[in-house]
Amino acid sequence: MQLLSSLIIIVACDPKVKSMKNIIASFAIYLVFASSVTGAEIVSYVIKHPVYNIKVSQIFLDGEIVDGDYEKYLRVYQNVNSQNVVVSQLNLESGGGLVDDGLKIGRHVRRHAISTNIERHKNCFSSCALIFLAGIVAVNGGKLGVHRSYLKSGSKLSFSQMEKTLSENHSEVTDYLRELRLPEKIIQNFLNTSSADMTLIKKILRYDSLYEEYLISNCGVSPEVDFSTTGKEANRKLRFKYYECTYYAQNRAQKEAQGIK
């Protein structure tokens, strides 16, 4: 994205974001990869799948998203991927940060069929929301907040310069959100909310529409199935089939992204 002089397009971030605690304590942890301490804290845990005995990985991103965090995230992902372990989920807690890095991480998440998650009592605002909404399955158990991006050094610009720069950025963000096949209401929440304000999106469990069709056609299972309405044995089989199909969809997507058939 072209920027005027040394300006960086950012979204508001909360400097009081808490550090991660009690990470996936209920799972057996086998291997940890960590990023540097500058910017967001990004770590990956290789765990035993909660339904059947396969190792998968979850990445955790915690903190302000700064320049270079996409490369940092990518290194963590590649460290896991080099172990032939599928990255199943990206867990997020961030007040926001740079739009550009958020878009890059989000596109990587969607291309590699990674799910996203906001845990209870966690926040994902601004550019963090751009990443969250890229999840092939996006689960919001905390707070998801969106608004327009702004210029950190906008006071140095004339109105016409700011208008040109922000219009280009807002168009880029809109194109990205449409790439993700998001409802128009969510896109308008981004565009119509001032950078000095925040629109909170209620708790959601969202499946990408084409991913849902993939599960139906390849596995005979809809992600919308209510497991609680079936008998105990049927429930177990449905859950197993759903998780198995999700695992193989992610495994295939991540291999195809590397050019591996």
C-alpha atoms as a PDB file:
ATOM      1  CA  MET A   1       0.000   0.000   0.000  1.00  0.00           C
ATOM      2  CA  GLN A   2       1.421   3.387  -1.011  1.00  0.00           C
ATOM      3  CA  LEU A   3       1.695   5.897   1.840  1.00  0.00           C
ATOM      4  CA  LEU A   4       2.603   9.592   1.765  1.00  0.00           C
ATOM      5  CA  SER A   5       6.114  10.373   3.060  1.00  0.00           C
ATOM      6  CA  SER A   6       6.750   8.419   6.256  1.00  0.00           C
ATOM      7  CA  LEU A   7       3.113   8.160   7.323  1.00  0.00           C
ATOM      8  CA  ILE A   8       1.841   4.833   8.607  1.00  0.00           C
ATOM      9  CA  ILE A   9      -1.833   3.950   8.485  1.00  0.00           C
ATOM     10  CA  ILE A  10      -2.881   2.511  11.821  1.00  0.00           C
ATOM     11  CA  VAL A  11      -5.955   1.826  13.846  1.00  0.00           C
ATOM     12  CA  ALA A  12      -6.346   2.672  17.506  1.00  0.00           C
ATOM     13  CA  CYS A  13      -4.827   0.271  19.980  1.00  0.00           C
ATOM     14  CA  ASP A  14      -5.332  -0.194  23.673  1.00  0.00           C
ATOM     15  CA  PRO A  15      -2.001   0.116  25.539  1.00  0.00           C
ATOM     16  CA  LYS A  16      -3.451  -1.772  28.489  1.00  0.00           C
ATOM     17  CA  VAL A  17      -3.777  -5.115  26.741  1.00  0.00           C
ATOM     18  CA  LYS A  18      -2.950  -7.775  29.335  1.00  0.00           C
ATOM     19  CA  SER A  19      -0.353 -10.450  28.726  1.00  0.00           C
ATOM     20  CA  MET A  20      -1.485 -14.016  28.015  1.00  0.00           C
ATOM     21  CA  LYS A  21      -2.214 -16.297  30.938  1.00  0.00           C
ATOM     22  CA  ASN A  22      -3.515 -19.791  31.388  1.00  0.00           C
ATOM     23  CA  ILE A  23      -2.919 -20.762  27.760  1.00  0.00           C
ATOM     24  CA  ILE A  24      -4.708 -23.960  26.763  1.00  0.00           C
ATOM     25  CA  ALA A  25      -4.037 -25.462  30.165  1.00  0.00           C
ATOM     26  CA  SER A  26      -6.427 -28.328  29.490  1.00  0.00           C
ATOM     27  CA  PHE A  27      -4.321 -29.766  26.647  1.00  0.00           C
ATOM     28  CA  ALA A  28      -1.065 -31.712  26.657  1.00  0.00           C
ATOM     29  CA  ILE A  29       1.713 -29.372  25.436  1.00  0.00           C
ATOM     30  CA  TYR A  30       4.526 -30.873  23.376  1.00  0.00           C
ATOM     31  CA  LEU A  31       6.453 -28.058  21.737  1.00  0.00           C
ATOM     32  CA  VAL A  32       6.643 -24.262  21.943  1.00  0.00           C
ATOM     33  CA  PHE A  33       7.879 -21.689  19.420  1.00  0.00           C
ATOM     34  CA  ALA A  34       8.085 -18.052  20.493  1.00  0.00           C
ATOM     35  CA  SER A  35       8.585 -14.732  18.758  1.00  0.00           C
ATOM     36  CA  SER A  36      10.698 -11.767  19.851  1.00  0.00           C
ATOM     37  CA  VAL A  37       9.310  -9.405  22.500  1.00  0.00           C
ATOM     38  CA  THR A  38       8.907  -6.359  20.202  1.00  0.00           C
ATOM     39  CA  GLY A  39       5.301  -5.737  19.145  1.00  0.00           C
ATOM     40  CA  ALA A  40       2.767  -8.523  19.586  1.00  0.00           C
ATOM     41  CA  GLU A  41       3.741 -11.626  21.513  1.00  0.00           C
ATOM     42  CA  ILE A  42       3.264 -14.558  19.137  1.00  0.00           C
ATOM     43  CA  VAL A  43       3.703 -18.127  20.342  1.00  0.00           C
ATOM     44  CA  SER A  44       2.683 -21.533  19.069  1.00  0.00           C
ATOM     45  CA  TYR A  45       1.786 -24.619  21.069  1.00  0.00           C
ATOM     46  CA  VAL A  46       1.704 -28.083  19.558  1.00  0.00           C
ATOM     47  CA  ILE A  47      -0.994 -30.041  21.361  1.00  0.00           C
ATOM     48  CA  LYS A  48      -2.913 -33.289  21.174  1.00  0.00           C
ATOM     49  CA  HIS A  49      -6.164 -32.907  19.250  1.00  0.00           C
ATOM     50  CA  PRO A  50      -9.118 -32.795  21.704  1.00  0.00           C
ATOM     51  CA  VAL A  51     -11.049 -35.548  19.879  1.00  0.00           C
ATOM     52  CA  TYR A  52      -8.509 -37.991  18.450  1.00  0.00           C
ATOM     53  CA  ASN A  53      -4.832 -38.707  18.863  1.00  0.00           C
ATOM     54  CA  ILE A  54      -3.209 -36.343  16.348  1.00  0.00           C
ATOM     55  CA  LYS A  55      -0.862 -33.451  17.044  1.00  0.00           C
ATOM     56  CA  VAL A  56      -2.087 -30.037  15.910  1.00  0.00           C
ATOM     57  CA  SER A  57      -0.947 -26.510  16.683  1.00  0.00           C
ATOM     58  CA  GLN A  58      -2.559 -23.336  17.917  1.00  0.00           C
ATOM     59  CA  ILE A  59      -0.925 -19.922  17.536  1.00  0.00           C
ATOM     60  CA  PHE A  60      -1.516 -17.149  20.079  1.00  0.00           C
ATOM     61  CA  LEU A  61      -1.144 -13.457  19.183  1.00  0.00           C
ATOM     62  CA  ASP A  62      -1.227 -11.054  22.126  1.00  0.00           C
ATOM     63  CA  GLY A  63      -0.528  -7.308  22.046  1.00  0.00           C
ATOM     64  CA  GLU A  64      -0.239  -4.331  19.734  1.00  0.00           C
ATOM     65  CA  ILE A  65       0.273  -5.203  16.055  1.00  0.00           C
ATOM     66  CA  VAL A  66       3.320  -3.322  14.771  1.00  0.00           C
ATOM     67  CA  ASP A  67       5.443  -3.170  11.636  1.00  0.00           C
ATOM     68  CA  GLY A  68       7.112  -6.547  11.143  1.00  0.00           C
ATOM     69  CA  ASP A  69       4.556  -8.612  13.055  1.00  0.00           C
ATOM     70  CA  TYR A  70       3.439 -10.366   9.866  1.00  0.00           C
ATOM     71  CA  GLU A  71       6.994 -11.617   9.342  1.00  0.00           C
ATOM     72  CA  LYS A  72       7.117 -12.594  13.007  1.00  0.00           C
ATOM     73  CA  TYR A  73       3.830 -14.498  12.706  1.00  0.00           C
ATOM     74  CA  LEU A  74       5.074 -16.144   9.521  1.00  0.00           C
ATOM     75  CA  ARG A  75       8.245 -17.392  11.236  1.00  0.00           C
ATOM     76  CA  VAL A  76       6.168 -18.949  14.018  1.00  0.00           C
ATOM     77  CA  TYR A  77       3.856 -20.582  11.478  1.00  0.00           C
ATOM     78  CA  GLN A  78       6.756 -21.900   9.409  1.00  0.00           C
ATOM     79  CA  ASN A  79       8.478 -23.322  12.500  1.00  0.00           C
ATOM     80  CA  VAL A  80       5.358 -25.355  13.225  1.00  0.00           C
ATOM     81  CA  ASN A  81       4.788 -26.267   9.586  1.00  0.00           C
ATOM     82  CA  SER A  82       8.341 -27.590   9.281  1.00  0.00           C
ATOM     83  CA  GLN A  83       7.378 -30.212  11.888  1.00  0.00           C
ATOM     84  CA  ASN A  84       4.558 -31.499   9.619  1.00  0.00           C
ATOM     85  CA  VAL A  85       2.012 -30.247  12.147  1.00  0.00           C
ATOM     86  CA  VAL A  86      -1.249 -28.619  11.044  1.00  0.00           C
ATOM     87  CA  VAL A  87      -1.972 -25.152  12.454  1.00  0.00           C
ATOM     88  CA  SER A  88      -5.632 -25.422  13.421  1.00  0.00           C
ATOM     89  CA  GLN A  89      -6.358 -22.132  15.170  1.00  0.00           C
ATOM     90  CA  LEU A  90      -5.137 -18.579  15.800  1.00  0.00           C
ATOM     91  CA  ASN A  91      -6.140 -17.172  19.197  1.00  0.00           C
ATOM     92  CA  LEU A  92      -6.241 -13.382  19.407  1.00  0.00           C
ATOM     93  CA  GLU A  93      -5.987 -10.710  22.089  1.00  0.00           C
ATOM     94  CA  SER A  94      -5.063  -7.254  20.808  1.00  0.00           C
ATOM     95  CA  GLY A  95      -6.212  -3.654  20.944  1.00  0.00           C
ATOM     96  CA  GLY A  96      -5.178  -3.190  17.312  1.00  0.00           C
ATOM     97  CA  GLY A  97      -2.242  -1.691  15.453  1.00  0.00           C
ATOM     98  CA  LEU A  98      -1.023  -1.540  11.872  1.00  0.00           C
ATOM     99  CA  VAL A  99      -3.578  -2.224   9.168  1.00  0.00           C
ATOM    100  CA  ASP A 100      -0.999  -3.491   6.673  1.00  0.00           C
ATOM    101  CA  ASP A 101       0.307  -6.264   8.937  1.00  0.00           C
ATOM    102  CA  GLY A 102      -3.251  -7.134   9.970  1.00  0.00           C
ATOM    103  CA  LEU A 103      -4.281  -7.601   6.341  1.00  0.00           C
ATOM    104  CA  LYS A 104      -1.237  -9.748   5.590  1.00  0.00           C
ATOM    105  CA  ILE A 105      -1.816 -12.020   8.592  1.00  0.00           C
ATOM    106  CA  GLY A 106      -5.532 -12.241   7.752  1.00  0.00           C
ATOM    107  CA  ARG A 107      -4.889 -13.283   4.157  1.00  0.00           C
ATOM    108  CA  HIS A 108      -2.439 -15.941   5.350  1.00  0.00           C
ATOM    109  CA  VAL A 109      -5.038 -17.236   7.833  1.00  0.00           C
ATOM    110  CA  ARG A 110      -7.708 -17.568   5.136  1.00  0.00           C
ATOM    111  CA  ARG A 111      -5.368 -19.081   2.526  1.00  0.00           C
ATOM    112  CA  HIS A 112      -4.278 -21.753   5.010  1.00  0.00           C
ATOM    113  CA  ALA A 113      -7.823 -22.508   6.293  1.00  0.00           C
ATOM    114  CA  ILE A 114      -6.986 -21.562   9.885  1.00  0.00           C
ATOM    115  CA  SER A 115      -9.771 -20.963  12.424  1.00  0.00           C
ATOM    116  CA  THR A 116      -9.710 -17.896  14.695  1.00  0.00           C
ATOM    117  CA  ASN A 117     -10.805 -17.488  18.288  1.00  0.00           C
ATOM    118  CA  ILE A 118     -11.290 -14.763  20.909  1.00  0.00           C
ATOM    119  CA  GLU A 119     -11.420 -16.304  24.348  1.00  0.00           C
ATOM    120  CA  ARG A 120     -13.787 -15.200  27.080  1.00  0.00           C
ATOM    121  CA  HIS A 121     -12.776 -11.871  28.698  1.00  0.00           C
ATOM    122  CA  LYS A 122     -10.334 -11.166  25.821  1.00  0.00           C
ATOM    123  CA  ASN A 123     -10.500  -8.232  23.400  1.00  0.00           C
ATOM    124  CA  CYS A 124      -9.822  -8.077  19.664  1.00  0.00           C
ATOM    125  CA  PHE A 125     -10.198  -4.546  18.321  1.00  0.00           C
ATOM    126  CA  SER A 126      -9.425  -2.643  15.117  1.00  0.00           C
ATOM    127  CA  SER A 127      -6.760  -4.337  12.979  1.00  0.00           C
ATOM    128  CA  CYS A 128      -7.040  -7.437  15.199  1.00  0.00           C
ATOM    129  CA  ALA A 129     -10.641  -7.728  13.963  1.00  0.00           C
ATOM    130  CA  LEU A 130      -9.340  -7.827  10.377  1.00  0.00           C
ATOM    131  CA  ILE A 131      -7.399 -10.957  11.316  1.00  0.00           C
ATOM    132  CA  PHE A 132     -10.204 -12.539  13.326  1.00  0.00           C
ATOM    133  CA  LEU A 133     -12.764 -12.250  10.533  1.00  0.00           C
ATOM    134  CA  ALA A 134     -10.438 -14.112   8.163  1.00  0.00           C
ATOM    135  CA  GLY A 135     -10.864 -17.324  10.146  1.00  0.00           C
ATOM    136  CA  ILE A 136     -12.400 -20.177   8.166  1.00  0.00           C
ATOM    137  CA  VAL A 137     -14.342 -20.657  11.405  1.00  0.00           C
ATOM    138  CA  ALA A 138     -14.398 -17.569  13.648  1.00  0.00           C
ATOM    139  CA  VAL A 139     -15.468 -17.939  17.289  1.00  0.00           C
ATOM    140  CA  ASN A 140     -15.906 -14.773  19.348  1.00  0.00           C
ATOM    141  CA  GLY A 141     -16.291 -15.506  23.034  1.00  0.00           C
ATOM    142  CA  GLY A 142     -14.940 -12.123  24.128  1.00  0.00           C
ATOM    143  CA  LYS A 143     -15.193  -8.615  22.665  1.00  0.00           C
ATOM    144  CA  LEU A 144     -14.779  -7.859  18.959  1.00  0.00           C
ATOM    145  CA  GLY A 145     -14.567  -4.160  18.053  1.00  0.00           C
ATOM    146  CA  VAL A 146     -14.266  -2.381  14.693  1.00  0.00           C
ATOM    147  CA  HIS A 147     -13.819   1.137  13.338  1.00  0.00           C
ATOM    148  CA  ARG A 148     -12.214   3.079  10.489  1.00  0.00           C
ATOM    149  CA  SER A 149      -8.456   3.358  10.188  1.00  0.00           C
ATOM    150  CA  TYR A 150      -6.729   6.708  10.675  1.00  0.00           C
ATOM    151  CA  LEU A 151      -3.411   8.440  10.026  1.00  0.00           C
ATOM    152  CA  LYS A 152      -1.022   8.634  12.933  1.00  0.00           C
ATOM    153  CA  SER A 153       0.577  11.830  11.587  1.00  0.00           C
ATOM    154  CA  GLY A 154      -2.493  13.207   9.859  1.00  0.00           C
ATOM    155  CA  SER A 155      -1.992  16.705  11.273  1.00  0.00           C
ATOM    156  CA  LYS A 156       0.906  17.186   8.839  1.00  0.00           C
ATOM    157  CA  LEU A 157      -1.381  16.763   5.815  1.00  0.00           C
ATOM    158  CA  SER A 158      -3.792  19.010   3.991  1.00  0.00           C
ATOM    159  CA  PHE A 159      -7.368  17.782   3.797  1.00  0.00           C
ATOM    160  CA  SER A 160      -6.960  16.772   0.132  1.00  0.00           C
ATOM    161  CA  GLN A 161      -3.859  14.724   0.957  1.00  0.00           C
ATOM    162  CA  MET A 162      -5.582  13.017   3.899  1.00  0.00           C
ATOM    163  CA  GLU A 163      -8.696  12.408   1.808  1.00  0.00           C
ATOM    164  CA  LYS A 164      -6.673  10.680  -0.921  1.00  0.00           C
ATOM    165  CA  THR A 165      -4.644   8.551   1.473  1.00  0.00           C
ATOM    166  CA  LEU A 166      -7.512   7.436   3.698  1.00  0.00           C
ATOM    167  CA  SER A 167      -9.811   6.813   0.729  1.00  0.00           C
ATOM    168  CA  GLU A 168      -7.215   4.463  -0.740  1.00  0.00           C
ATOM    169  CA  ASN A 169      -6.817   2.687   2.586  1.00  0.00           C
ATOM    170  CA  HIS A 170     -10.556   2.355   3.217  1.00  0.00           C
ATOM    171  CA  SER A 171     -10.966   0.940  -0.303  1.00  0.00           C
ATOM    172  CA  GLU A 172      -8.209  -1.581   0.402  1.00  0.00           C
ATOM    173  CA  VAL A 173      -9.858  -2.665   3.669  1.00  0.00           C
ATOM    174  CA  THR A 174     -13.277  -2.911   1.968  1.00  0.00           C
ATOM    175  CA  ASP A 175     -11.850  -5.065  -0.839  1.00  0.00           C
ATOM    176  CA  TYR A 176     -10.237  -7.321   1.763  1.00  0.00           C
ATOM    177  CA  LEU A 177     -13.476  -7.738   3.744  1.00  0.00           C
ATOM    178  CA  ARG A 178     -15.342  -8.606   0.555  1.00  0.00           C
ATOM    179  CA  GLU A 179     -12.650 -11.159  -0.313  1.00  0.00           C
ATOM    180  CA  LEU A 180     -13.612 -12.827   2.970  1.00  0.00           C
ATOM    181  CA  ARG A 181     -17.276 -12.991   1.871  1.00  0.00           C
ATOM    182  CA  LEU A 182     -18.402 -11.079   4.962  1.00  0.00           C
ATOM    183  CA  PRO A 183     -21.941  -9.761   5.369  1.00  0.00           C
ATOM    184  CA  GLU A 184     -22.360  -6.172   4.181  1.00  0.00           C
ATOM    185  CA  LYS A 185     -23.459  -5.155   7.683  1.00  0.00           C
ATOM    186  CA  ILE A 186     -20.028  -6.000   9.122  1.00  0.00           C
ATOM    187  CA  ILE A 187     -18.268  -4.116   6.302  1.00  0.00           C
ATOM    188  CA  GLN A 188     -20.421  -1.053   6.962  1.00  0.00           C
ATOM    189  CA  ASN A 189     -19.632  -1.278  10.688  1.00  0.00           C
ATOM    190  CA  PHE A 190     -15.957  -0.780   9.781  1.00  0.00           C
ATOM    191  CA  LEU A 191     -16.601   2.095   7.384  1.00  0.00           C
ATOM    192  CA  ASN A 192     -19.244   3.967   9.385  1.00  0.00           C
ATOM    193  CA  THR A 193     -17.567   3.934  12.800  1.00  0.00           C
ATOM    194  CA  SER A 194     -15.267   6.856  13.591  1.00  0.00           C
ATOM    195  CA  SER A 195     -11.665   6.046  14.524  1.00  0.00           C
ATOM    196  CA  ALA A 196     -12.412   7.791  17.850  1.00  0.00           C
ATOM    197  CA  ASP A 197     -15.227   5.324  18.530  1.00  0.00           C
ATOM    198  CA  MET A 198     -15.717   1.545  18.484  1.00  0.00           C
ATOM    199  CA  THR A 199     -18.579  -0.657  17.302  1.00  0.00           C
ATOM    200  CA  LEU A 200     -18.736  -3.909  19.242  1.00  0.00           C
ATOM    201  CA  ILE A 201     -19.892  -6.968  17.313  1.00  0.00           C
ATOM    202  CA  LYS A 202     -21.798  -9.394  19.519  1.00  0.00           C
ATOM    203  CA  LYS A 203     -20.533 -12.865  20.250  1.00  0.00           C
ATOM    204  CA  ILE A 204     -20.521 -14.851  17.056  1.00  0.00           C
ATOM    205  CA  LEU A 205     -19.754 -18.288  15.727  1.00  0.00           C
ATOM    206  CA  ARG A 206     -19.214 -17.728  12.010  1.00  0.00           C
ATOM    207  CA  TYR A 207     -18.399 -20.236   9.275  1.00  0.00           C
ATOM    208  CA  ASP A 208     -17.218 -19.125   5.850  1.00  0.00           C
ATOM    209  CA  SER A 209     -20.059 -19.953   3.456  1.00  0.00           C
ATOM    210  CA  LEU A 210     -17.902 -21.876   0.965  1.00  0.00           C
ATOM    211  CA  TYR A 211     -16.161 -23.782   3.764  1.00  0.00           C
ATOM    212  CA  GLU A 212     -19.580 -24.828   5.045  1.00  0.00           C
ATOM    213  CA  GLU A 213     -20.431 -26.148   1.569  1.00  0.00           C
ATOM    214  CA  TYR A 214     -17.090 -27.995   1.487  1.00  0.00           C
ATOM    215  CA  LEU A 215     -17.938 -29.807   4.724  1.00  0.00           C
ATOM    216  CA  ILE A 216     -21.412 -30.704   3.465  1.00  0.00           C
ATOM    217  CA  SER A 217     -20.239 -32.025   0.073  1.00  0.00           C
ATOM    218  CA  ASN A 218     -17.063 -33.796   1.236  1.00  0.00           C
ATOM    219  CA  CYS A 219     -18.084 -35.021   4.680  1.00  0.00           C
ATOM    220  CA  GLY A 220     -21.861 -34.983   4.793  1.00  0.00           C
ATOM    221  CA  VAL A 221     -21.672 -32.818   7.921  1.00  0.00           C
ATOM    222  CA  SER A 222     -22.853 -29.243   8.330  1.00  0.00           C
ATOM    223  CA  PRO A 223     -20.914 -27.147  10.864  1.00  0.00           C
ATOM    224  CA  GLU A 224     -24.306 -25.849  12.005  1.00  0.00           C
ATOM    225  CA  VAL A 225     -25.342 -29.279  13.319  1.00  0.00           C
ATOM    226  CA  ASP A 226     -26.572 -29.206  16.910  1.00  0.00           C
ATOM    227  CA  PHE A 227     -24.711 -32.094  18.514  1.00  0.00           C
ATOM    228  CA  SER A 228     -26.763 -31.793  21.699  1.00  0.00           C
ATOM    229  CA  THR A 229     -29.979 -32.900  19.945  1.00  0.00           C
ATOM    230  CA  THR A 230     -28.616 -36.310  18.935  1.00  0.00           C
ATOM    231  CA  GLY A 231     -28.139 -39.475  20.927  1.00  0.00           C
ATOM    232  CA  LYS A 232     -24.877 -40.076  22.759  1.00  0.00           C
ATOM    233  CA  GLU A 233     -23.392 -42.482  20.190  1.00  0.00           C
ATOM    234  CA  ALA A 234     -24.616 -40.465  17.187  1.00  0.00           C
ATOM    235  CA  ASN A 235     -23.281 -37.321  18.854  1.00  0.00           C
ATOM    236  CA  ARG A 236     -19.830 -38.904  19.251  1.00  0.00           C
ATOM    237  CA  LYS A 237     -19.759 -40.034  15.614  1.00  0.00           C
ATOM    238  CA  LEU A 238     -20.875 -36.643  14.293  1.00  0.00           C
ATOM    239  CA  ARG A 239     -18.255 -34.817  16.337  1.00  0.00           C
ATOM    240  CA  PHE A 240     -15.535 -37.203  15.205  1.00  0.00           C
ATOM    241  CA  LYS A 241     -16.555 -36.825  11.567  1.00  0.00           C
ATOM    242  CA  TYR A 242     -16.689 -33.015  11.823  1.00  0.00           C
ATOM    243  CA  TYR A 243     -13.269 -32.702  13.475  1.00  0.00           C
ATOM    244  CA  GLU A 244     -11.714 -35.274  11.156  1.00  0.00           C
ATOM    245  CA  CYS A 245     -13.016 -33.455   8.082  1.00  0.00           C
ATOM    246  CA  THR A 246     -11.849 -30.089   9.435  1.00  0.00           C
ATOM    247  CA  TYR A 247      -8.383 -31.489  10.117  1.00  0.00           C
ATOM    248  CA  TYR A 248      -7.987 -32.878   6.609  1.00  0.00           C
ATOM    249  CA  ALA A 249      -9.342 -29.671   5.029  1.00  0.00           C
ATOM    250  CA  GLN A 250      -6.746 -27.630   6.929  1.00  0.00           C
ATOM    251  CA  ASN A 251      -3.978 -30.128   6.203  1.00  0.00           C
ATOM    252  CA  ARG A 252      -4.753 -30.050   2.484  1.00  0.00           C
ATOM    253  CA  ALA A 253      -4.990 -26.245   2.350  1.00  0.00           C
ATOM    254  CA  GLN A 254      -1.665 -25.816   4.134  1.00  0.00           C
ATOM    255  CA  LYS A 255       0.097 -28.299   1.867  1.00  0.00           C
ATOM    256  CA  GLU A 256      -1.397 -26.736  -1.262  1.00  0.00           C
ATOM    257  CA  ALA A 257      -0.185 -23.316  -0.095  1.00  0.00           C
ATOM    258  CA  GLN A 258       3.334 -24.776  -0.074  1.00  0.00           C
ATOM    259  CA  GLY A 259       2.845 -26.361  -3.476  1.00  0.00           C
ATOM    260  CA  ILE A 260       2.691 -29.853  -1.911  1.00  0.00           C
ATOM    261  CA  LYS A 261      -0.006 -32.200  -3.261  1.00  0.00           C
END
